[in-house]
Amino acid sequence: MNTPNVSLLNVSRVARLKTPYTTRRIPASAFVTLLGGSRAPRVGDLILARVDKLGQHRHLELACGRRARLYEGDEIVLAYGNRYAPDQFEAEVPSDLGPCHMVAGGGVAARVITRHDKMRGATVVQPLGLLGDRNGRPINLADFALDSPRSDGRRAFTVAVVGTSMNAGKTETASNLIRGFAGAGLRVGAAKVTGTGAGCDIWMMVDAGAQSVLDFTDAGLPSTYLADPQDVERVMTTLLDVLYASGADVVVFEVADGLYQRETAHLLKSAAFAHAVDAVVFAAGDAMGSAGGVHALRAMGLPVIAASGLLTASPLAMREAAHATGLEVLDLDALRSPGILDFVGFRAAEGLAVGAM
């Protein structure tokens, strides 16, 4: 290949690359060329990078879910993406192929702006070039995204889990809801519609009994931070439509981060979100957070039906939250009980054998 700054990748070199969760929809056979020179990366572009200095992330979550240990000098694949994590890093896609950071274990590259005091410095990587196809075009996650199925307007009964912030207990709440629905004999679809690409939450939903689990990386985004609000709505709608088309009776989906996070705030206020959900469960770490969040969701006109989250570790906090919100506060036992069907107001879709529940 005689194109300037475009070189062919050796097959054996490609076979040695550690490829992460975020890129799991892209076969290694697509990695044909390496694109160097002066280039401005886009969100979702893939890079071949060398690990120069290990920091906070010392493992890379592979496409199969295994956490592979990293060594300095390793060549790895990452997807450029912005990161919003109050407990970890704030980072943005750089404007060049200069040194940057691995900012999520699922394989996201960006340049760190701020970090939580408890975090080590981020792992430093040196991009060796963008990964390209056989025509020398950059490979982007969006090129391998799920297509949105044709919709006739019907959908599965859908429960959304939102919360005060990162680590409020949202995934634990969603997973135990999934467990309750699956235990009642329903086919459960699950999704995480916003956040940063990593498989840990998705594997929890799989382990809880969901038959099909998707996230925003399946819709072509390595993260949803700084994405256009319309793109985030498209991601949510696509994932829910695909799950319904796959035969789900009920769908449980998680919205990452807290109500003050920009993309979460836009999504919750959208007509698309209001149309998509039958019930909302709010997760919080304490009673005051629970009361504030429930009040905000009610002001948006959303059908918030219960509180949950980390606060359920404390009987006192549960009583405070119940008094402040007027809602039932569901602990993990209540969430995964078959009785959760009646509590959330589950309605069987047309054709569903209700008697089998």
Protein backbone atom coordinates (compact mmCIF):
# COMPACT_ATOMS: atom_id res chain seq x y z
CA MET A 1 0.00 0.00 0.00
CA ASN A 2 1.59 3.29 -1.14
CA THR A 3 -0.83 5.72 0.50
CA PRO A 4 1.06 8.14 2.79
CA ASN A 5 0.66 7.42 6.51
CA VAL A 6 -1.30 4.22 5.81
CA SER A 7 0.39 0.85 6.37
CA LEU A 8 -0.82 -2.73 6.28
CA LEU A 9 -1.10 -4.56 9.59
CA ASN A 10 0.60 -7.91 9.93
CA VAL A 11 -1.92 -10.67 10.69
CA SER A 12 0.18 -12.13 13.50
CA ARG A 13 0.46 -8.70 15.10
CA VAL A 14 -3.32 -8.33 15.01
CA ALA A 15 -3.73 -11.76 16.61
CA ARG A 16 -1.59 -10.67 19.58
CA LEU A 17 -3.62 -7.53 20.30
CA LYS A 18 -5.69 -7.33 23.45
CA THR A 19 -9.12 -6.16 22.29
CA PRO A 20 -11.63 -4.84 24.84
CA TYR A 21 -15.31 -5.08 25.68
CA THR A 22 -16.20 -1.84 23.91
CA THR A 23 -15.07 -3.28 20.56
CA ARG A 24 -16.74 -6.70 20.93
CA ARG A 25 -19.00 -6.18 17.90
CA ILE A 26 -16.00 -5.69 15.60
CA PRO A 27 -14.15 -8.78 14.34
CA ALA A 28 -10.36 -8.64 14.44
CA SER A 29 -10.41 -9.41 10.71
CA ALA A 30 -11.62 -5.83 10.16
CA PHE A 31 -8.26 -4.51 11.40
CA VAL A 32 -6.34 -4.31 8.14
CA THR A 33 -4.49 -0.99 8.13
CA LEU A 34 -2.84 1.42 10.54
CA LEU A 35 -3.42 5.12 9.90
CA GLY A 36 -0.81 7.57 11.12
CA GLY A 37 0.11 11.16 10.42
CA SER A 38 -1.76 14.23 11.58
CA ARG A 39 -5.32 13.14 12.31
CA ALA A 40 -8.11 14.38 14.57
CA PRO A 41 -9.79 11.32 16.17
CA ARG A 42 -13.55 11.11 16.46
CA VAL A 43 -15.63 9.58 19.23
CA GLY A 44 -15.79 5.85 18.50
CA ASP A 45 -12.63 5.64 16.37
CA LEU A 46 -10.40 2.71 17.28
CA ILE A 47 -6.69 3.02 17.96
CA LEU A 48 -3.85 0.63 18.28
CA ALA A 49 -2.04 1.88 21.38
CA ARG A 50 1.04 0.93 23.37
CA VAL A 51 0.82 0.88 27.16
CA ASP A 52 3.53 3.28 28.35
CA LYS A 53 2.83 3.63 32.09
CA LEU A 54 0.44 1.67 34.25
CA GLY A 55 -1.84 3.65 36.52
CA GLN A 56 -5.38 3.19 37.86
CA HIS A 57 -6.38 0.63 35.27
CA ARG A 58 -4.00 -2.32 35.29
CA HIS A 59 -6.37 -4.71 33.57
CA LEU A 60 -8.28 -4.54 30.31
CA GLU A 61 -11.70 -6.15 30.17
CA LEU A 62 -11.60 -8.27 27.04
CA ALA A 63 -14.50 -8.73 24.65
CA CYS A 64 -15.22 -12.10 26.30
CA GLY A 65 -15.44 -10.49 29.75
CA ARG A 66 -12.11 -11.75 31.13
CA ARG A 67 -9.95 -9.14 32.84
CA ALA A 68 -6.57 -9.36 31.14
CA ARG A 69 -3.57 -8.06 33.05
CA LEU A 70 -1.71 -5.27 31.30
CA TYR A 71 2.05 -4.85 31.03
CA GLU A 72 3.98 -1.83 29.92
CA GLY A 73 4.80 -2.31 26.26
CA ASP A 74 1.55 -4.20 25.51
CA GLU A 75 -0.22 -3.31 22.29
CA ILE A 76 -3.94 -2.93 22.88
CA VAL A 77 -7.04 -1.72 21.04
CA LEU A 78 -9.05 1.14 22.55
CA ALA A 79 -12.02 3.22 21.41
CA TYR A 80 -11.88 6.98 21.77
CA GLY A 81 -14.65 8.21 24.05
CA ASN A 82 -15.44 10.88 26.63
CA ARG A 83 -15.62 9.87 30.30
CA TYR A 84 -17.83 11.26 33.07
CA ALA A 85 -17.27 9.57 36.42
CA PRO A 86 -17.31 11.71 39.58
CA ASP A 87 -15.74 8.81 41.50
CA GLN A 88 -13.00 8.32 38.90
CA PHE A 89 -12.11 10.46 35.88
CA GLU A 90 -13.39 13.32 33.78
CA ALA A 91 -11.79 12.96 30.36
CA GLU A 92 -12.34 14.03 26.77
CA VAL A 93 -11.31 12.81 23.35
CA PRO A 94 -8.13 14.70 22.35
CA SER A 95 -7.76 16.58 19.09
CA ASP A 96 -4.67 14.62 17.99
CA LEU A 97 -3.00 11.23 18.21
CA GLY A 98 -0.66 12.28 20.99
CA PRO A 99 -0.25 10.43 24.30
CA CYS A 100 -3.48 10.02 26.24
CA HIS A 101 -5.01 7.75 28.87
CA MET A 102 -6.98 4.58 29.26
CA VAL A 103 -9.90 5.93 31.29
CA ALA A 104 -12.15 2.86 31.60
CA GLY A 105 -11.38 -0.83 32.01
CA GLY A 106 -13.75 -1.64 29.15
CA GLY A 107 -11.29 -0.03 26.74
CA VAL A 108 -11.88 3.73 26.39
CA ALA A 109 -9.14 6.22 25.43
CA ALA A 110 -9.30 9.94 26.27
CA ARG A 111 -7.22 12.65 27.89
CA VAL A 112 -7.86 13.15 31.62
CA ILE A 113 -9.01 16.59 32.78
CA THR A 114 -9.78 15.88 36.45
CA ARG A 115 -9.75 12.85 38.75
CA HIS A 116 -11.12 11.88 42.15
CA ASP A 117 -8.62 12.22 44.99
CA LYS A 118 -8.78 8.49 45.68
CA MET A 119 -7.82 7.56 42.14
CA ARG A 120 -4.29 6.85 41.01
CA GLY A 121 -3.14 8.62 37.89
CA ALA A 122 -4.63 7.11 34.76
CA THR A 123 -2.76 4.51 32.72
CA VAL A 124 -0.81 6.31 29.98
CA VAL A 125 -0.99 5.01 26.42
CA GLN A 126 0.75 6.05 23.23
CA PRO A 127 -1.49 5.80 20.15
CA LEU A 128 0.42 4.14 17.30
CA GLY A 129 -2.31 5.03 14.82
CA LEU A 130 -5.99 4.68 14.05
CA LEU A 131 -7.13 1.22 13.05
CA GLY A 132 -8.41 1.21 9.49
CA ASP A 133 -10.20 -1.09 7.09
CA ARG A 134 -8.79 -2.47 3.85
CA ASN A 135 -9.54 0.83 2.10
CA GLY A 136 -7.63 2.86 4.66
CA ARG A 137 -10.73 4.30 6.31
CA PRO A 138 -10.82 4.65 10.11
CA ILE A 139 -12.87 1.96 11.84
CA ASN A 140 -15.54 3.42 14.11
CA LEU A 141 -17.87 1.65 16.57
CA ALA A 142 -20.82 3.23 14.78
CA ASP A 143 -19.96 1.22 11.64
CA PHE A 144 -20.91 -1.97 13.52
CA ALA A 145 -23.91 -0.69 15.48
CA LEU A 146 -27.22 -2.52 15.75
CA ASP A 147 -29.86 -1.48 13.27
CA SER A 148 -33.11 -0.27 14.80
CA PRO A 149 -35.83 -2.81 13.96
CA ARG A 150 -39.01 -1.73 12.26
CA SER A 151 -41.48 -0.89 15.03
CA ASP A 152 -45.28 -1.18 14.95
CA GLY A 153 -45.55 1.00 18.06
CA ARG A 154 -45.87 -1.85 20.55
CA ARG A 155 -43.33 -2.44 23.27
CA ALA A 156 -42.67 -4.59 26.32
CA PHE A 157 -43.65 -3.51 29.82
CA THR A 158 -40.64 -1.39 30.79
CA VAL A 159 -39.11 -0.41 34.12
CA ALA A 160 -36.34 2.21 34.32
CA VAL A 161 -33.86 2.44 37.19
CA VAL A 162 -32.30 5.85 37.83
CA GLY A 163 -30.45 7.26 40.82
CA THR A 164 -28.72 10.07 42.62
CA SER A 165 -25.23 9.42 41.31
CA MET A 166 -22.61 6.88 40.34
CA ASN A 167 -22.56 4.00 42.87
CA ALA A 168 -26.04 4.69 44.28
CA GLY A 169 -27.02 1.04 43.86
CA LYS A 170 -28.72 1.30 40.46
CA THR A 171 -27.23 -1.83 38.92
CA GLU A 172 -27.91 -3.89 42.04
CA THR A 173 -31.51 -2.62 41.96
CA ALA A 174 -31.90 -3.43 38.26
CA SER A 175 -30.31 -6.86 38.61
CA ASN A 176 -32.58 -7.89 41.46
CA LEU A 177 -35.63 -6.65 39.56
CA ILE A 178 -34.49 -8.82 36.67
CA ARG A 179 -34.15 -11.73 39.08
CA GLY A 180 -37.70 -11.20 40.31
CA PHE A 181 -39.19 -11.04 36.82
CA ALA A 182 -37.17 -14.02 35.58
CA GLY A 183 -38.17 -16.03 38.65
CA ALA A 184 -41.81 -15.39 37.77
CA GLY A 185 -41.27 -17.04 34.40
CA LEU A 186 -40.98 -13.94 32.22
CA ARG A 187 -38.55 -13.43 29.39
CA VAL A 188 -36.53 -10.44 30.55
CA GLY A 189 -34.63 -8.03 28.34
CA ALA A 190 -32.19 -5.65 29.99
CA ALA A 191 -30.12 -2.66 28.99
CA LYS A 192 -27.86 0.09 30.19
CA VAL A 193 -28.68 3.03 27.96
CA THR A 194 -26.07 5.57 29.12
CA GLY A 195 -22.63 5.55 30.74
CA THR A 196 -19.09 4.51 29.78
CA GLY A 197 -18.27 1.26 28.04
CA ALA A 198 -17.55 -1.56 30.49
CA GLY A 199 -19.10 -4.98 30.88
CA CYS A 200 -19.34 -5.36 34.66
CA ASP A 201 -22.92 -4.06 34.91
CA ILE A 202 -23.99 -6.02 31.86
CA TRP A 203 -22.61 -9.30 33.24
CA MET A 204 -24.54 -8.68 36.48
CA MET A 205 -27.76 -8.41 34.48
CA VAL A 206 -26.92 -11.59 32.57
CA ASP A 207 -26.21 -13.44 35.82
CA ALA A 208 -29.55 -12.25 37.25
CA GLY A 209 -31.41 -14.08 34.50
CA ALA A 210 -31.93 -11.62 31.65
CA GLN A 211 -32.21 -13.44 28.34
CA SER A 212 -30.81 -10.57 26.31
CA VAL A 213 -28.71 -7.65 27.54
CA LEU A 214 -27.54 -4.64 25.53
CA ASP A 215 -25.84 -1.34 26.15
CA PHE A 216 -24.99 1.84 24.29
CA THR A 217 -21.86 0.28 22.78
CA ASP A 218 -24.20 -2.02 20.84
CA ALA A 219 -25.71 1.17 19.40
CA GLY A 220 -22.31 2.52 18.36
CA LEU A 221 -21.16 4.76 21.22
CA PRO A 222 -18.18 4.06 23.54
CA SER A 223 -19.81 6.38 26.08
CA THR A 224 -22.74 8.76 26.11
CA TYR A 225 -20.95 11.68 27.82
CA LEU A 226 -21.08 14.80 25.60
CA ALA A 227 -23.26 12.99 23.05
CA ASP A 228 -26.06 14.95 21.43
CA PRO A 229 -29.33 14.52 23.35
CA GLN A 230 -31.00 13.20 20.20
CA ASP A 231 -28.29 10.58 19.87
CA VAL A 232 -28.87 9.43 23.45
CA GLU A 233 -32.61 9.17 22.80
CA ARG A 234 -31.87 7.19 19.62
CA VAL A 235 -29.65 4.80 21.58
CA MET A 236 -32.34 4.19 24.20
CA THR A 237 -35.08 3.68 21.62
CA THR A 238 -32.95 1.35 19.49
CA LEU A 239 -31.99 -0.86 22.44
CA LEU A 240 -35.57 -1.10 23.73
CA ASP A 241 -36.93 -1.86 20.26
CA VAL A 242 -34.32 -4.58 19.70
CA LEU A 243 -35.12 -6.18 23.06
CA TYR A 244 -38.85 -6.16 22.32
CA ALA A 245 -38.22 -7.62 18.87
CA SER A 246 -36.18 -10.39 20.50
CA GLY A 247 -39.28 -11.51 22.42
CA ALA A 248 -38.87 -9.86 25.82
CA ASP A 249 -42.02 -9.79 27.97
CA VAL A 250 -40.55 -7.14 30.22
CA VAL A 251 -37.55 -4.84 29.94
CA VAL A 252 -35.48 -3.40 32.78
CA PHE A 253 -33.03 -0.67 31.87
CA GLU A 254 -30.57 1.47 33.82
CA VAL A 255 -29.70 5.10 33.23
CA ALA A 256 -26.17 5.80 34.46
CA ASP A 257 -24.94 8.52 36.82
CA GLY A 258 -27.23 10.95 38.61
CA LEU A 259 -30.03 13.39 37.85
CA TYR A 260 -27.56 16.28 37.55
CA GLN A 261 -25.49 14.59 34.85
CA ARG A 262 -26.09 16.41 31.57
CA GLU A 263 -27.12 13.52 29.31
CA THR A 264 -29.19 11.86 32.04
CA ALA A 265 -31.03 15.13 32.72
CA HIS A 266 -31.84 15.60 29.01
CA LEU A 267 -33.00 12.02 28.61
CA LEU A 268 -35.28 12.01 31.66
CA LYS A 269 -36.99 15.19 30.49
CA SER A 270 -37.53 13.90 26.95
CA ALA A 271 -40.82 12.81 25.46
CA ALA A 272 -39.06 9.64 24.28
CA PHE A 273 -38.29 8.61 27.87
CA ALA A 274 -41.81 9.35 29.09
CA HIS A 275 -43.19 7.26 26.23
CA ALA A 276 -40.77 4.39 26.89
CA VAL A 277 -41.40 3.68 30.58
CA ASP A 278 -44.25 2.22 32.61
CA ALA A 279 -42.52 2.54 35.96
CA VAL A 280 -39.41 4.14 37.46
CA VAL A 281 -37.49 2.94 40.53
CA PHE A 282 -35.17 5.49 42.14
CA ALA A 283 -31.92 4.40 43.81
CA ALA A 284 -30.12 6.49 46.42
CA GLY A 285 -27.54 6.14 49.15
CA ASP A 286 -29.50 8.01 51.84
CA ALA A 287 -32.97 9.27 52.64
CA MET A 288 -32.34 12.88 51.72
CA GLY A 289 -31.02 11.89 48.30
CA SER A 290 -34.00 9.62 47.86
CA ALA A 291 -36.47 12.37 48.70
CA GLY A 292 -34.80 14.90 46.42
CA GLY A 293 -34.65 12.51 43.50
CA VAL A 294 -38.20 11.29 43.84
CA HIS A 295 -39.44 14.87 44.05
CA ALA A 296 -37.53 15.78 40.87
CA LEU A 297 -38.88 12.78 38.96
CA ARG A 298 -42.45 13.53 40.05
CA ALA A 299 -42.02 17.12 38.87
CA MET A 300 -41.16 15.70 35.43
CA GLY A 301 -44.40 13.72 35.46
CA LEU A 302 -42.62 10.36 35.51
CA PRO A 303 -44.28 7.27 37.09
CA VAL A 304 -41.85 6.76 39.98
CA ILE A 305 -43.22 3.85 42.02
CA ALA A 306 -40.56 2.91 44.54
CA ALA A 307 -37.29 3.86 46.18
CA SER A 308 -34.31 1.55 46.58
CA GLY A 309 -30.52 1.59 46.37
CA LEU A 310 -27.71 1.59 48.89
CA LEU A 311 -29.91 3.12 51.59
CA THR A 312 -31.66 -0.25 51.97
CA ALA A 313 -28.62 -1.47 53.90
CA SER A 314 -29.96 0.63 56.80
CA PRO A 315 -33.45 -0.02 58.26
CA LEU A 316 -33.40 3.49 59.72
CA ALA A 317 -32.59 5.06 56.37
CA MET A 318 -35.34 3.01 54.76
CA ARG A 319 -37.89 4.32 57.25
CA GLU A 320 -36.72 7.89 56.70
CA ALA A 321 -36.96 7.51 52.93
CA ALA A 322 -40.43 5.96 53.11
CA HIS A 323 -41.64 8.81 55.30
CA ALA A 324 -40.06 11.50 53.10
CA THR A 325 -41.21 10.10 49.75
CA GLY A 326 -44.49 8.39 50.63
CA LEU A 327 -43.23 5.43 48.59
CA GLU A 328 -42.41 1.89 49.50
CA VAL A 329 -38.68 1.34 49.83
CA LEU A 330 -37.72 -1.99 48.27
CA ASP A 331 -34.73 -3.93 49.54
CA LEU A 332 -33.06 -6.67 47.52
CA ASP A 333 -35.37 -9.41 48.85
CA ALA A 334 -38.45 -7.41 47.81
CA LEU A 335 -37.02 -6.60 44.37
CA ARG A 336 -36.33 -10.23 43.50
CA SER A 337 -39.58 -11.57 44.92
CA PRO A 338 -42.11 -12.89 42.36
CA GLY A 339 -44.57 -10.51 44.04
CA ILE A 340 -42.71 -7.68 42.31
CA LEU A 341 -44.94 -8.26 39.26
CA ASP A 342 -48.05 -7.03 41.02
CA PHE A 343 -46.17 -4.25 42.76
CA VAL A 344 -44.87 -2.64 39.56
CA GLY A 345 -48.25 -3.04 37.83
CA PHE A 346 -47.00 -5.46 35.21
CA ARG A 347 -49.40 -5.81 32.32
CA ALA A 348 -49.02 -8.77 30.02
CA ALA A 349 -48.41 -7.86 26.40
CA GLU A 350 -50.79 -9.12 23.74
CA GLY A 351 -50.35 -12.84 23.28
CA LEU A 352 -48.46 -13.35 26.56
CA ALA A 353 -49.61 -16.45 28.44
CA VAL A 354 -50.46 -14.73 31.70
CA GLY A 355 -51.51 -18.00 33.28
CA ALA A 356 -47.96 -19.28 32.99
CA MET A 357 -46.63 -16.73 35.44
